All heavy atoms as atom14 arrays in JSON, in Angstrom:
{
  "sequence": "HNALDQALLQPELRAQFAAAGKKLAA",
  "atom14_mask": [
    [1, 1, 1, 1, 1, 1, 1, 1, 1, 1, 0, 0, 0, 0],
    [1, 1, 1, 1, 1, 1, 1, 1, 0, 0, 0, 0, 0, 0],
    [1, 1, 1, 1, 1, 0, 0, 0, 0, 0, 0, 0, 0, 0],
    [1, 1, 1, 1, 1, 1, 1, 1, 0, 0, 0, 0, 0, 0],
    [1, 1, 1, 1, 1, 1, 1, 1, 0, 0, 0, 0, 0, 0],
    [1, 1, 1, 1, 1, 1, 1, 1, 1, 0, 0, 0, 0, 0],
    [1, 1, 1, 1, 1, 0, 0, 0, 0, 0, 0, 0, 0, 0],
    [1, 1, 1, 1, 1, 1, 1, 1, 0, 0, 0, 0, 0, 0],
    [1, 1, 1, 1, 1, 1, 1, 1, 0, 0, 0, 0, 0, 0],
    [1, 1, 1, 1, 1, 1, 1, 1, 1, 0, 0, 0, 0, 0],
    [1, 1, 1, 1, 1, 1, 1, 0, 0, 0, 0, 0, 0, 0],
    [1, 1, 1, 1, 1, 1, 1, 1, 1, 0, 0, 0, 0, 0],
    [1, 1, 1, 1, 1, 1, 1, 1, 0, 0, 0, 0, 0, 0],
    [1, 1, 1, 1, 1, 1, 1, 1, 1, 1, 1, 0, 0, 0],
    [1, 1, 1, 1, 1, 0, 0, 0, 0, 0, 0, 0, 0, 0],
    [1, 1, 1, 1, 1, 1, 1, 1, 1, 0, 0, 0, 0, 0],
    [1, 1, 1, 1, 1, 1, 1, 1, 1, 1, 1, 0, 0, 0],
    [1, 1, 1, 1, 1, 0, 0, 0, 0, 0, 0, 0, 0, 0],
    [1, 1, 1, 1, 1, 0, 0, 0, 0, 0, 0, 0, 0, 0],
    [1, 1, 1, 1, 1, 0, 0, 0, 0, 0, 0, 0, 0, 0],
    [1, 1, 1, 1, 0, 0, 0, 0, 0, 0, 0, 0, 0, 0],
    [1, 1, 1, 1, 1, 1, 1, 1, 1, 0, 0, 0, 0, 0],
    [1, 1, 1, 1, 1, 1, 1, 1, 1, 0, 0, 0, 0, 0],
    [1, 1, 1, 1, 1, 1, 1, 1, 0, 0, 0, 0, 0, 0],
    [1, 1, 1, 1, 1, 0, 0, 0, 0, 0, 0, 0, 0, 0],
    [1, 1, 1, 1, 1, 0, 0, 0, 0, 0, 0, 0, 0, 0]
  ],
  "atom14_positions": [
    [[9.43, -82.57, 74.26], [8.16, -83.28, 74.02], [7.44, -82.71, 72.8], [6.84, -83.48, 72.03], [7.29, -83.19, 75.27], [7.77, -84.03, 76.4], [7.65, -85.41, 76.41], [8.39, -83.71, 77.57], [8.17, -85.89, 77.54], [8.63, -84.88, 78.25], [0.0, 0.0, 0.0], [0.0, 0.0, 0.0], [0.0, 0.0, 0.0], [0.0, 0.0, 0.0]],
    [[7.48, -81.4, 72.61], [6.84, -80.81, 71.43], [7.5, -81.3, 70.15], [6.82, -81.62, 69.17], [6.92, -79.28, 71.5], [6.08, -78.69, 72.62], [5.18, -79.36, 73.14], [6.36, -77.46, 72.99], [0.0, 0.0, 0.0], [0.0, 0.0, 0.0], [0.0, 0.0, 0.0], [0.0, 0.0, 0.0], [0.0, 0.0, 0.0], [0.0, 0.0, 0.0]],
    [[8.84, -81.36, 70.16], [9.55, -81.84, 68.98], [9.24, -83.3, 68.69], [9.02, -83.7, 67.54], [11.06, -81.65, 69.19], [0.0, 0.0, 0.0], [0.0, 0.0, 0.0], [0.0, 0.0, 0.0], [0.0, 0.0, 0.0], [0.0, 0.0, 0.0], [0.0, 0.0, 0.0], [0.0, 0.0, 0.0], [0.0, 0.0, 0.0], [0.0, 0.0, 0.0]],
    [[9.19, -84.12, 69.75], [8.9, -85.54, 69.57], [7.48, -85.73, 69.04], [7.25, -86.6, 68.17], [9.08, -86.29, 70.89], [8.91, -87.81, 70.83], [9.91, -88.43, 69.85], [9.08, -88.43, 72.22], [0.0, 0.0, 0.0], [0.0, 0.0, 0.0], [0.0, 0.0, 0.0], [0.0, 0.0, 0.0], [0.0, 0.0, 0.0], [0.0, 0.0, 0.0]],
    [[6.53, -84.95, 69.53], [5.16, -85.04, 69.02], [5.12, -84.73, 67.53], [4.45, -85.43, 66.75], [4.25, -84.06, 69.78], [3.98, -84.5, 71.21], [4.25, -85.67, 71.53], [3.52, -83.66, 72.01], [0.0, 0.0, 0.0], [0.0, 0.0, 0.0], [0.0, 0.0, 0.0], [0.0, 0.0, 0.0], [0.0, 0.0, 0.0], [0.0, 0.0, 0.0]],
    [[5.84, -83.7, 67.12], [5.87, -83.37, 65.69], [6.49, -84.5, 64.88], [5.98, -84.87, 63.82], [6.68, -82.08, 65.47], [6.0, -80.81, 65.93], [6.8, -79.58, 65.55], [7.37, -79.5, 64.45], [6.89, -78.63, 66.45], [0.0, 0.0, 0.0], [0.0, 0.0, 0.0], [0.0, 0.0, 0.0], [0.0, 0.0, 0.0], [0.0, 0.0, 0.0]],
    [[7.57, -85.06, 65.39], [8.27, -86.11, 64.66], [7.4, -87.36, 64.48], [7.42, -87.98, 63.41], [9.57, -86.48, 65.38], [0.0, 0.0, 0.0], [0.0, 0.0, 0.0], [0.0, 0.0, 0.0], [0.0, 0.0, 0.0], [0.0, 0.0, 0.0], [0.0, 0.0, 0.0], [0.0, 0.0, 0.0], [0.0, 0.0, 0.0], [0.0, 0.0, 0.0]],
    [[6.64, -87.72, 65.51], [5.84, -88.94, 65.46], [4.47, -88.74, 64.81], [3.92, -89.66, 64.22], [5.67, -89.51, 66.87], [6.96, -90.0, 67.54], [6.65, -90.57, 68.93], [7.68, -91.03, 66.69], [0.0, 0.0, 0.0], [0.0, 0.0, 0.0], [0.0, 0.0, 0.0], [0.0, 0.0, 0.0], [0.0, 0.0, 0.0], [0.0, 0.0, 0.0]],
    [[3.94, -87.53, 64.91], [2.58, -87.29, 64.42], [2.55, -86.64, 63.04], [1.48, -86.56, 62.42], [1.81, -86.41, 65.42], [1.66, -87.0, 66.83], [0.95, -86.0, 67.75], [0.91, -88.33, 66.79], [0.0, 0.0, 0.0], [0.0, 0.0, 0.0], [0.0, 0.0, 0.0], [0.0, 0.0, 0.0], [0.0, 0.0, 0.0], [0.0, 0.0, 0.0]],
    [[3.7, -86.17, 62.56], [3.74, -85.53, 61.24], [4.83, -86.22, 60.39], [5.93, -85.7, 60.23], [4.05, -84.04, 61.37], [3.02, -83.27, 62.18], [3.34, -81.78, 62.24], [3.67, -81.15, 61.23], [3.24, -81.21, 63.43], [0.0, 0.0, 0.0], [0.0, 0.0, 0.0], [0.0, 0.0, 0.0], [0.0, 0.0, 0.0], [0.0, 0.0, 0.0]],
    [[4.53, -87.39, 59.85], [5.52, -88.16, 59.1], [6.1, -87.42, 57.89], [7.27, -87.61, 57.55], [4.76, -89.42, 58.67], [3.32, -89.07, 58.81], [3.23, -88.09, 59.92], [0.0, 0.0, 0.0], [0.0, 0.0, 0.0], [0.0, 0.0, 0.0], [0.0, 0.0, 0.0], [0.0, 0.0, 0.0], [0.0, 0.0, 0.0], [0.0, 0.0, 0.0]],
    [[5.31, -86.58, 57.24], [5.82, -85.84, 56.08], [6.88, -84.84, 56.51], [7.91, -84.67, 55.83], [4.67, -85.13, 55.37], [3.69, -86.08, 54.68], [2.61, -85.34, 53.91], [2.62, -84.09, 53.92], [1.76, -86.01, 53.3], [0.0, 0.0, 0.0], [0.0, 0.0, 0.0], [0.0, 0.0, 0.0], [0.0, 0.0, 0.0], [0.0, 0.0, 0.0]],
    [[6.66, -84.16, 57.64], [7.64, -83.22, 58.15], [8.91, -83.95, 58.58], [10.03, -83.5, 58.3], [7.07, -82.44, 59.34], [7.98, -81.39, 59.98], [8.29, -80.28, 58.98], [7.35, -80.82, 61.25], [0.0, 0.0, 0.0], [0.0, 0.0, 0.0], [0.0, 0.0, 0.0], [0.0, 0.0, 0.0], [0.0, 0.0, 0.0], [0.0, 0.0, 0.0]],
    [[8.72, -85.1, 59.23], [9.86, -85.92, 59.65], [10.71, -86.33, 58.45], [11.94, -86.24, 58.47], [9.35, -87.15, 60.39], [10.44, -88.06, 60.93], [9.84, -89.2, 61.72], [9.19, -90.2, 60.86], [7.95, -90.62, 61.01], [7.19, -90.15, 61.98], [7.45, -91.54, 60.2], [0.0, 0.0, 0.0], [0.0, 0.0, 0.0], [0.0, 0.0, 0.0]],
    [[10.06, -86.77, 57.38], [10.77, -87.18, 56.17], [11.47, -86.0, 55.51], [12.58, -86.14, 54.98], [9.8, -87.83, 55.19], [0.0, 0.0, 0.0], [0.0, 0.0, 0.0], [0.0, 0.0, 0.0], [0.0, 0.0, 0.0], [0.0, 0.0, 0.0], [0.0, 0.0, 0.0], [0.0, 0.0, 0.0], [0.0, 0.0, 0.0], [0.0, 0.0, 0.0]],
    [[10.84, -84.84, 55.55], [11.43, -83.63, 54.97], [12.72, -83.26, 55.69], [13.73, -82.95, 55.05], [10.42, -82.49, 55.07], [10.94, -81.14, 54.6], [9.94, -80.02, 54.86], [8.73, -80.2, 54.76], [10.46, -78.85, 55.21], [0.0, 0.0, 0.0], [0.0, 0.0, 0.0], [0.0, 0.0, 0.0], [0.0, 0.0, 0.0], [0.0, 0.0, 0.0]],
    [[12.7, -83.3, 57.03], [13.89, -82.97, 57.8], [15.0, -83.99, 57.55], [16.18, -83.62, 57.43], [13.56, -82.94, 59.3], [12.79, -81.72, 59.73], [12.35, -80.77, 58.82], [12.49, -81.51, 61.06], [11.64, -79.64, 59.21], [11.78, -80.4, 61.49], [11.36, -79.45, 60.55], [0.0, 0.0, 0.0], [0.0, 0.0, 0.0], [0.0, 0.0, 0.0]],
    [[14.63, -85.26, 57.49], [15.63, -86.31, 57.26], [16.29, -86.16, 55.89], [17.51, -86.32, 55.76], [14.97, -87.69, 57.38], [0.0, 0.0, 0.0], [0.0, 0.0, 0.0], [0.0, 0.0, 0.0], [0.0, 0.0, 0.0], [0.0, 0.0, 0.0], [0.0, 0.0, 0.0], [0.0, 0.0, 0.0], [0.0, 0.0, 0.0], [0.0, 0.0, 0.0]],
    [[15.51, -85.83, 54.87], [16.05, -85.66, 53.52], [17.01, -84.46, 53.46], [18.06, -84.52, 52.82], [14.91, -85.47, 52.52], [0.0, 0.0, 0.0], [0.0, 0.0, 0.0], [0.0, 0.0, 0.0], [0.0, 0.0, 0.0], [0.0, 0.0, 0.0], [0.0, 0.0, 0.0], [0.0, 0.0, 0.0], [0.0, 0.0, 0.0], [0.0, 0.0, 0.0]],
    [[16.64, -83.37, 54.16], [17.51, -82.18, 54.18], [18.83, -82.51, 54.88], [19.9, -82.06, 54.45], [16.79, -81.03, 54.88], [0.0, 0.0, 0.0], [0.0, 0.0, 0.0], [0.0, 0.0, 0.0], [0.0, 0.0, 0.0], [0.0, 0.0, 0.0], [0.0, 0.0, 0.0], [0.0, 0.0, 0.0], [0.0, 0.0, 0.0], [0.0, 0.0, 0.0]],
    [[18.75, -83.29, 55.95], [19.95, -83.67, 56.67], [20.85, -84.55, 55.82], [22.08, -84.38, 55.81], [0.0, 0.0, 0.0], [0.0, 0.0, 0.0], [0.0, 0.0, 0.0], [0.0, 0.0, 0.0], [0.0, 0.0, 0.0], [0.0, 0.0, 0.0], [0.0, 0.0, 0.0], [0.0, 0.0, 0.0], [0.0, 0.0, 0.0], [0.0, 0.0, 0.0]],
    [[20.27, -85.49, 55.12], [21.05, -86.4, 54.29], [21.75, -85.63, 53.16], [22.91, -85.93, 52.82], [20.16, -87.49, 53.7], [20.94, -88.53, 52.91], [20.06, -89.71, 52.53], [20.87, -90.78, 51.82], [20.06, -91.98, 51.5], [0.0, 0.0, 0.0], [0.0, 0.0, 0.0], [0.0, 0.0, 0.0], [0.0, 0.0, 0.0], [0.0, 0.0, 0.0]],
    [[21.08, -84.64, 52.61], [21.68, -83.83, 51.55], [22.92, -83.11, 52.07], [23.97, -83.07, 51.39], [20.65, -82.82, 51.04], [21.16, -81.97, 49.88], [20.06, -81.03, 49.39], [20.56, -80.17, 48.23], [19.5, -79.24, 47.75], [0.0, 0.0, 0.0], [0.0, 0.0, 0.0], [0.0, 0.0, 0.0], [0.0, 0.0, 0.0], [0.0, 0.0, 0.0]],
    [[22.84, -82.57, 53.28], [23.99, -81.89, 53.88], [25.12, -82.86, 54.17], [26.29, -82.57, 53.89], [23.55, -81.2, 55.18], [24.66, -80.54, 56.01], [25.34, -79.44, 55.21], [24.1, -80.0, 57.31], [0.0, 0.0, 0.0], [0.0, 0.0, 0.0], [0.0, 0.0, 0.0], [0.0, 0.0, 0.0], [0.0, 0.0, 0.0], [0.0, 0.0, 0.0]],
    [[24.79, -84.03, 54.71], [25.81, -85.02, 55.04], [26.57, -85.46, 53.8], [27.81, -85.58, 53.81], [25.16, -86.23, 55.72], [0.0, 0.0, 0.0], [0.0, 0.0, 0.0], [0.0, 0.0, 0.0], [0.0, 0.0, 0.0], [0.0, 0.0, 0.0], [0.0, 0.0, 0.0], [0.0, 0.0, 0.0], [0.0, 0.0, 0.0], [0.0, 0.0, 0.0]],
    [[25.85, -85.7, 52.71], [26.48, -86.15, 51.47], [27.36, -85.07, 50.85], [28.42, -85.37, 50.28], [25.41, -86.6, 50.48], [0.0, 0.0, 0.0], [0.0, 0.0, 0.0], [0.0, 0.0, 0.0], [0.0, 0.0, 0.0], [0.0, 0.0, 0.0], [0.0, 0.0, 0.0], [0.0, 0.0, 0.0], [0.0, 0.0, 0.0], [0.0, 0.0, 0.0]]
  ]
}
């Protein structure tokens, strides 16, 4: 629940994590 709150309430952090993940995948 804490992680989900961060993901939904902090869009900049969510985008930062997604970008880091995409860089690793590529």
